[in-house]
Amino acid sequence: MNDPTGLQLKTDREVPEAEMLSRLPRNKFTLLLKHRPAIDGKAAMLFDLQLSGHTHKGQIFPFTYLAKMAYPLNAGAFELPQGGFLRVSRGTGTWGPPVRFLSPPEVTVIELVRKTGESK
């Protein structure tokens, strides 16, 4: 998905998330790559797994609280009430000052395994 910052800078063009995802076959596994861990309610049932980052889990304490207020699902794995999953990585880098404090970096490794008997 295009990020709002790219849209502001006119480097991306806006395509509504639900419109884009609704074009995909529902009998296939759908992986949504989206920089910010925000869930679009209109698109929530149209993907199986969303991978996001952006928050760095606050990067420097006490900004961890601000990140949590802006993005309640700001680090970790979450099962979404509408179906599907969200995985938000803290990332390995930094934004602004090259420092992380009480918000360690992470490298996320995801292994997708098809459940026996399922078509997705």
N, C-alpha and C. Protein backbone atom coordinates (compact mmCIF):
# COMPACT_ATOMS: atom_id res chain seq x y z
N MET A 1 0.84 -1.18 0.00
CA MET A 1 0.00 0.00 0.00
C MET A 1 0.88 1.24 0.00
N ASN A 2 0.38 2.27 -0.61
CA ASN A 2 1.08 3.54 -0.59
C ASN A 2 0.97 4.17 0.80
N ASP A 3 2.04 4.79 1.24
CA ASP A 3 2.08 5.43 2.54
C ASP A 3 1.62 6.88 2.42
N PRO A 4 0.91 7.41 3.43
CA PRO A 4 0.46 8.80 3.37
C PRO A 4 1.58 9.81 3.11
N THR A 5 2.79 9.54 3.59
CA THR A 5 3.90 10.47 3.34
C THR A 5 4.21 10.55 1.85
N GLY A 6 4.22 9.42 1.17
CA GLY A 6 4.46 9.42 -0.28
C GLY A 6 3.36 10.15 -1.02
N LEU A 7 2.14 10.04 -0.53
CA LEU A 7 1.03 10.75 -1.16
C LEU A 7 1.19 12.25 -0.97
N GLN A 8 1.62 12.69 0.20
CA GLN A 8 1.84 14.12 0.46
C GLN A 8 2.95 14.67 -0.43
N LEU A 9 3.97 13.86 -0.66
CA LEU A 9 5.10 14.30 -1.48
C LEU A 9 4.84 14.12 -2.96
N LYS A 10 3.66 13.61 -3.29
CA LYS A 10 3.24 13.39 -4.69
C LYS A 10 4.12 12.36 -5.40
N THR A 11 4.75 11.45 -4.62
CA THR A 11 5.53 10.39 -5.23
C THR A 11 4.70 9.13 -5.45
N ASP A 12 3.55 9.05 -4.79
CA ASP A 12 2.65 7.90 -4.92
C ASP A 12 1.29 8.39 -5.39
N ARG A 13 0.53 7.49 -5.97
CA ARG A 13 -0.86 7.84 -6.28
C ARG A 13 -1.76 7.02 -5.36
N GLU A 14 -2.86 7.60 -4.98
CA GLU A 14 -3.74 6.95 -4.01
C GLU A 14 -4.65 5.93 -4.69
N VAL A 15 -4.64 4.74 -4.16
CA VAL A 15 -5.57 3.69 -4.57
C VAL A 15 -6.21 3.20 -3.28
N PRO A 16 -7.52 3.31 -3.14
CA PRO A 16 -8.16 2.84 -1.90
C PRO A 16 -7.82 1.38 -1.62
N GLU A 17 -7.47 1.12 -0.38
CA GLU A 17 -7.04 -0.23 0.01
C GLU A 17 -8.10 -1.28 -0.29
N ALA A 18 -9.33 -1.02 0.07
CA ALA A 18 -10.41 -1.99 -0.16
C ALA A 18 -10.60 -2.24 -1.65
N GLU A 19 -10.47 -1.20 -2.45
CA GLU A 19 -10.62 -1.37 -3.91
C GLU A 19 -9.51 -2.27 -4.46
N MET A 20 -8.29 -2.02 -4.03
CA MET A 20 -7.16 -2.82 -4.50
C MET A 20 -7.31 -4.28 -4.08
N LEU A 21 -7.60 -4.50 -2.81
CA LEU A 21 -7.69 -5.86 -2.29
C LEU A 21 -8.89 -6.62 -2.83
N SER A 22 -9.97 -5.93 -3.13
CA SER A 22 -11.17 -6.61 -3.63
C SER A 22 -10.96 -7.19 -5.03
N ARG A 23 -9.94 -6.76 -5.73
CA ARG A 23 -9.63 -7.30 -7.07
C ARG A 23 -8.94 -8.66 -7.00
N LEU A 24 -8.44 -9.03 -5.82
CA LEU A 24 -7.67 -10.26 -5.68
C LEU A 24 -8.57 -11.45 -5.40
N PRO A 25 -8.18 -12.64 -5.85
CA PRO A 25 -9.00 -13.84 -5.59
C PRO A 25 -9.00 -14.17 -4.10
N ARG A 26 -10.17 -14.42 -3.54
CA ARG A 26 -10.29 -14.71 -2.11
C ARG A 26 -9.84 -16.12 -1.76
N ASN A 27 -9.71 -17.00 -2.74
CA ASN A 27 -9.28 -18.37 -2.43
C ASN A 27 -7.75 -18.49 -2.37
N LYS A 28 -7.05 -17.38 -2.51
CA LYS A 28 -5.59 -17.36 -2.41
C LYS A 28 -5.18 -16.60 -1.15
N PHE A 29 -4.04 -16.97 -0.59
CA PHE A 29 -3.50 -16.26 0.57
C PHE A 29 -3.13 -14.84 0.14
N THR A 30 -3.57 -13.86 0.92
CA THR A 30 -3.31 -12.47 0.58
C THR A 30 -2.44 -11.83 1.66
N LEU A 31 -1.25 -11.40 1.25
CA LEU A 31 -0.30 -10.75 2.12
C LEU A 31 -0.31 -9.26 1.79
N LEU A 32 -0.59 -8.44 2.77
CA LEU A 32 -0.66 -6.99 2.60
C LEU A 32 0.57 -6.37 3.25
N LEU A 33 1.37 -5.67 2.45
CA LEU A 33 2.53 -4.95 2.97
C LEU A 33 2.13 -3.48 3.09
N LYS A 34 2.16 -2.99 4.31
CA LYS A 34 1.70 -1.63 4.57
C LYS A 34 2.61 -1.03 5.63
N HIS A 35 3.24 0.07 5.31
CA HIS A 35 4.24 0.65 6.20
C HIS A 35 3.68 0.93 7.60
N ARG A 36 2.57 1.59 7.68
CA ARG A 36 1.99 1.95 8.98
C ARG A 36 1.01 0.87 9.45
N PRO A 37 1.02 0.56 10.75
CA PRO A 37 0.13 -0.49 11.26
C PRO A 37 -1.28 0.02 11.54
N ALA A 38 -1.90 0.55 10.53
CA ALA A 38 -3.28 1.02 10.64
C ALA A 38 -4.17 0.05 9.87
N ILE A 39 -5.30 -0.28 10.43
CA ILE A 39 -6.23 -1.20 9.78
C ILE A 39 -7.37 -0.40 9.17
N ASP A 40 -7.55 -0.57 7.88
CA ASP A 40 -8.67 0.07 7.17
C ASP A 40 -9.88 -0.83 7.35
N GLY A 41 -10.89 -0.33 8.05
CA GLY A 41 -12.08 -1.13 8.33
C GLY A 41 -12.76 -1.68 7.10
N LYS A 42 -12.72 -0.95 5.98
CA LYS A 42 -13.34 -1.42 4.74
C LYS A 42 -12.56 -2.56 4.10
N ALA A 43 -11.27 -2.67 4.43
CA ALA A 43 -10.42 -3.69 3.82
C ALA A 43 -10.05 -4.82 4.77
N ALA A 44 -10.49 -4.72 6.02
CA ALA A 44 -10.03 -5.65 7.06
C ALA A 44 -10.27 -7.11 6.75
N MET A 45 -11.33 -7.44 6.04
CA MET A 45 -11.62 -8.84 5.77
C MET A 45 -11.08 -9.31 4.42
N LEU A 46 -10.29 -8.46 3.77
CA LEU A 46 -9.82 -8.77 2.41
C LEU A 46 -8.37 -9.23 2.35
N PHE A 47 -7.73 -9.41 3.50
CA PHE A 47 -6.35 -9.91 3.53
C PHE A 47 -6.21 -10.92 4.65
N ASP A 48 -5.20 -11.76 4.53
CA ASP A 48 -4.93 -12.77 5.55
C ASP A 48 -3.88 -12.31 6.55
N LEU A 49 -2.86 -11.60 6.05
CA LEU A 49 -1.78 -11.15 6.91
C LEU A 49 -1.30 -9.79 6.42
N GLN A 50 -1.22 -8.85 7.35
CA GLN A 50 -0.65 -7.53 7.06
C GLN A 50 0.68 -7.43 7.79
N LEU A 51 1.72 -7.05 7.06
CA LEU A 51 3.03 -6.81 7.66
C LEU A 51 3.28 -5.31 7.65
N SER A 52 3.62 -4.78 8.82
CA SER A 52 3.84 -3.34 8.96
C SER A 52 5.05 -3.08 9.84
N GLY A 53 5.41 -1.80 9.89
CA GLY A 53 6.51 -1.34 10.72
C GLY A 53 6.19 0.06 11.22
N HIS A 54 7.02 1.02 10.87
CA HIS A 54 6.82 2.45 11.09
C HIS A 54 7.03 2.91 12.51
N THR A 55 6.57 2.21 13.51
CA THR A 55 6.53 2.74 14.87
C THR A 55 7.87 2.65 15.61
N HIS A 56 8.73 1.73 15.23
CA HIS A 56 9.99 1.45 15.94
C HIS A 56 9.71 1.17 17.43
N LYS A 57 8.44 0.90 17.74
CA LYS A 57 7.95 0.74 19.12
C LYS A 57 8.36 1.92 19.99
N GLY A 58 8.35 3.10 19.39
CA GLY A 58 8.66 4.31 20.14
C GLY A 58 10.13 4.70 20.09
N GLN A 59 11.01 3.76 19.87
CA GLN A 59 12.44 3.93 19.70
C GLN A 59 13.17 4.39 20.97
N ILE A 60 12.69 5.43 21.60
CA ILE A 60 13.35 5.98 22.79
C ILE A 60 12.30 6.21 23.87
N PHE A 61 12.48 5.57 25.02
CA PHE A 61 11.58 5.81 26.14
C PHE A 61 11.68 7.29 26.51
N PRO A 62 10.60 8.01 26.73
CA PRO A 62 9.21 7.64 26.93
C PRO A 62 8.35 7.74 25.66
N PHE A 63 8.98 7.91 24.48
CA PHE A 63 8.21 8.00 23.25
C PHE A 63 7.45 6.72 22.95
N THR A 64 7.79 5.65 23.64
CA THR A 64 7.06 4.39 23.49
C THR A 64 5.58 4.61 23.81
N TYR A 65 5.29 5.47 24.78
CA TYR A 65 3.89 5.75 25.12
C TYR A 65 3.18 6.52 24.02
N LEU A 66 3.87 7.45 23.39
CA LEU A 66 3.28 8.21 22.29
C LEU A 66 3.00 7.30 21.10
N ALA A 67 3.95 6.41 20.80
CA ALA A 67 3.75 5.47 19.69
C ALA A 67 2.55 4.57 19.96
N LYS A 68 2.40 4.16 21.21
CA LYS A 68 1.27 3.28 21.58
C LYS A 68 -0.06 4.02 21.47
N MET A 69 -0.06 5.33 21.77
CA MET A 69 -1.29 6.11 21.63
C MET A 69 -1.65 6.30 20.16
N ALA A 70 -0.66 6.56 19.33
CA ALA A 70 -0.91 6.78 17.90
C ALA A 70 -1.27 5.48 17.19
N TYR A 71 -0.60 4.39 17.57
CA TYR A 71 -0.81 3.09 16.94
C TYR A 71 -0.94 2.05 18.05
N PRO A 72 -2.17 1.78 18.52
CA PRO A 72 -2.36 0.83 19.62
C PRO A 72 -1.74 -0.54 19.35
N LEU A 73 -1.74 -0.97 18.10
CA LEU A 73 -1.10 -2.24 17.72
C LEU A 73 0.27 -1.88 17.14
N ASN A 74 1.21 -1.50 18.00
CA ASN A 74 2.44 -0.91 17.49
C ASN A 74 3.66 -1.82 17.49
N ALA A 75 3.55 -3.02 18.00
CA ALA A 75 4.66 -3.97 17.94
C ALA A 75 4.15 -5.35 18.32
N GLY A 76 4.52 -6.35 17.54
CA GLY A 76 4.11 -7.71 17.86
C GLY A 76 3.13 -8.28 16.87
N ALA A 77 2.52 -9.39 17.26
CA ALA A 77 1.56 -10.10 16.41
C ALA A 77 0.17 -10.00 17.00
N PHE A 78 -0.81 -9.77 16.13
CA PHE A 78 -2.18 -9.57 16.57
C PHE A 78 -3.15 -10.32 15.66
N GLU A 79 -4.10 -11.00 16.26
CA GLU A 79 -5.21 -11.57 15.51
C GLU A 79 -6.29 -10.50 15.47
N LEU A 80 -6.75 -10.18 14.28
CA LEU A 80 -7.71 -9.10 14.11
C LEU A 80 -9.13 -9.59 14.29
N PRO A 81 -10.00 -8.80 14.92
CA PRO A 81 -11.38 -9.25 15.16
C PRO A 81 -12.16 -9.51 13.88
N GLN A 82 -11.81 -8.84 12.77
CA GLN A 82 -12.52 -9.02 11.50
C GLN A 82 -11.97 -10.21 10.73
N GLY A 83 -10.94 -10.84 11.25
CA GLY A 83 -10.27 -11.94 10.56
C GLY A 83 -8.92 -11.47 10.07
N GLY A 84 -8.03 -12.38 9.89
CA GLY A 84 -6.69 -12.03 9.45
C GLY A 84 -5.80 -11.68 10.62
N PHE A 85 -4.55 -11.39 10.29
CA PHE A 85 -3.53 -11.12 11.30
C PHE A 85 -2.73 -9.88 10.91
N LEU A 86 -2.15 -9.26 11.93
CA LEU A 86 -1.26 -8.12 11.74
C LEU A 86 0.03 -8.43 12.47
N ARG A 87 1.15 -8.22 11.81
CA ARG A 87 2.47 -8.36 12.45
C ARG A 87 3.19 -7.03 12.26
N VAL A 88 3.54 -6.40 13.38
CA VAL A 88 4.23 -5.11 13.35
C VAL A 88 5.64 -5.30 13.89
N SER A 89 6.61 -5.00 13.06
CA SER A 89 8.01 -5.14 13.44
C SER A 89 8.53 -3.84 14.06
N ARG A 90 9.35 -3.98 15.10
CA ARG A 90 10.02 -2.81 15.69
C ARG A 90 11.12 -2.30 14.77
N GLY A 91 11.55 -3.14 13.85
CA GLY A 91 12.59 -2.74 12.92
C GLY A 91 13.98 -2.83 13.51
N THR A 92 14.96 -2.65 12.65
CA THR A 92 16.35 -2.73 13.08
C THR A 92 17.02 -1.37 13.14
N GLY A 93 16.42 -0.38 12.53
CA GLY A 93 17.04 0.93 12.45
C GLY A 93 16.41 1.94 13.38
N THR A 94 16.68 3.19 13.06
CA THR A 94 16.18 4.30 13.86
C THR A 94 15.64 5.37 12.94
N TRP A 95 14.94 6.30 13.52
CA TRP A 95 14.47 7.49 12.82
C TRP A 95 14.94 8.66 13.66
N GLY A 96 15.47 9.69 13.04
CA GLY A 96 15.99 10.81 13.81
C GLY A 96 17.31 10.43 14.45
N PRO A 97 17.41 10.56 15.77
CA PRO A 97 18.69 10.25 16.41
C PRO A 97 19.00 8.75 16.30
N PRO A 98 20.25 8.41 16.03
CA PRO A 98 20.62 6.99 15.88
C PRO A 98 20.74 6.28 17.24
N VAL A 99 19.64 6.30 17.99
CA VAL A 99 19.62 5.74 19.34
C VAL A 99 18.32 4.99 19.55
N ARG A 100 18.40 3.88 20.28
CA ARG A 100 17.21 3.19 20.76
C ARG A 100 17.41 2.97 22.25
N PHE A 101 16.36 3.23 23.04
CA PHE A 101 16.46 3.07 24.48
C PHE A 101 15.18 2.43 25.00
N LEU A 102 15.31 1.27 25.61
CA LEU A 102 14.19 0.47 26.12
C LEU A 102 13.19 0.10 25.02
N SER A 103 13.68 0.01 23.82
CA SER A 103 12.88 -0.43 22.68
C SER A 103 13.84 -1.13 21.71
N PRO A 104 14.25 -2.34 22.05
CA PRO A 104 15.29 -3.00 21.26
C PRO A 104 14.86 -3.28 19.82
N PRO A 105 15.83 -3.29 18.91
CA PRO A 105 15.51 -3.62 17.51
C PRO A 105 15.17 -5.10 17.38
N GLU A 106 14.60 -5.45 16.24
CA GLU A 106 14.31 -6.85 15.98
C GLU A 106 14.41 -7.13 14.49
N VAL A 107 14.75 -8.34 14.18
CA VAL A 107 14.69 -8.86 12.82
C VAL A 107 13.55 -9.87 12.84
N THR A 108 12.56 -9.63 12.01
CA THR A 108 11.38 -10.49 11.99
C THR A 108 11.56 -11.56 10.92
N VAL A 109 11.36 -12.80 11.31
CA VAL A 109 11.38 -13.92 10.38
C VAL A 109 9.99 -14.54 10.41
N ILE A 110 9.39 -14.63 9.24
CA ILE A 110 8.04 -15.17 9.16
C ILE A 110 8.05 -16.41 8.27
N GLU A 111 7.50 -17.47 8.79
CA GLU A 111 7.39 -18.70 8.02
C GLU A 111 5.91 -18.97 7.79
N LEU A 112 5.52 -18.98 6.54
CA LEU A 112 4.13 -19.25 6.18
C LEU A 112 3.99 -20.73 5.89
N VAL A 113 3.06 -21.37 6.58
CA VAL A 113 2.83 -22.81 6.42
C VAL A 113 1.35 -23.03 6.13
N ARG A 114 1.07 -23.72 5.04
CA ARG A 114 -0.32 -24.01 4.70
C ARG A 114 -0.87 -25.09 5.62
N LYS A 115 -2.05 -24.83 6.15
CA LYS A 115 -2.70 -25.85 6.98
C LYS A 115 -3.19 -26.97 6.06
N THR A 116 -3.06 -28.19 6.53
CA THR A 116 -3.49 -29.34 5.75
C THR A 116 -4.98 -29.26 5.44
N GLY A 117 -5.33 -29.47 4.18
CA GLY A 117 -6.73 -29.50 3.78
C GLY A 117 -7.31 -28.14 3.42
N GLU A 118 -6.54 -27.09 3.51
CA GLU A 118 -7.05 -25.76 3.17
C GLU A 118 -6.59 -25.36 1.78
N SER A 119 -7.41 -24.57 1.09
CA SER A 119 -7.06 -24.14 -0.26
C SER A 119 -6.22 -22.87 -0.25
N LYS A 120 -6.15 -22.14 0.85
CA LYS A 120 -5.36 -20.92 0.93
C LYS A 120 -3.95 -21.23 1.32
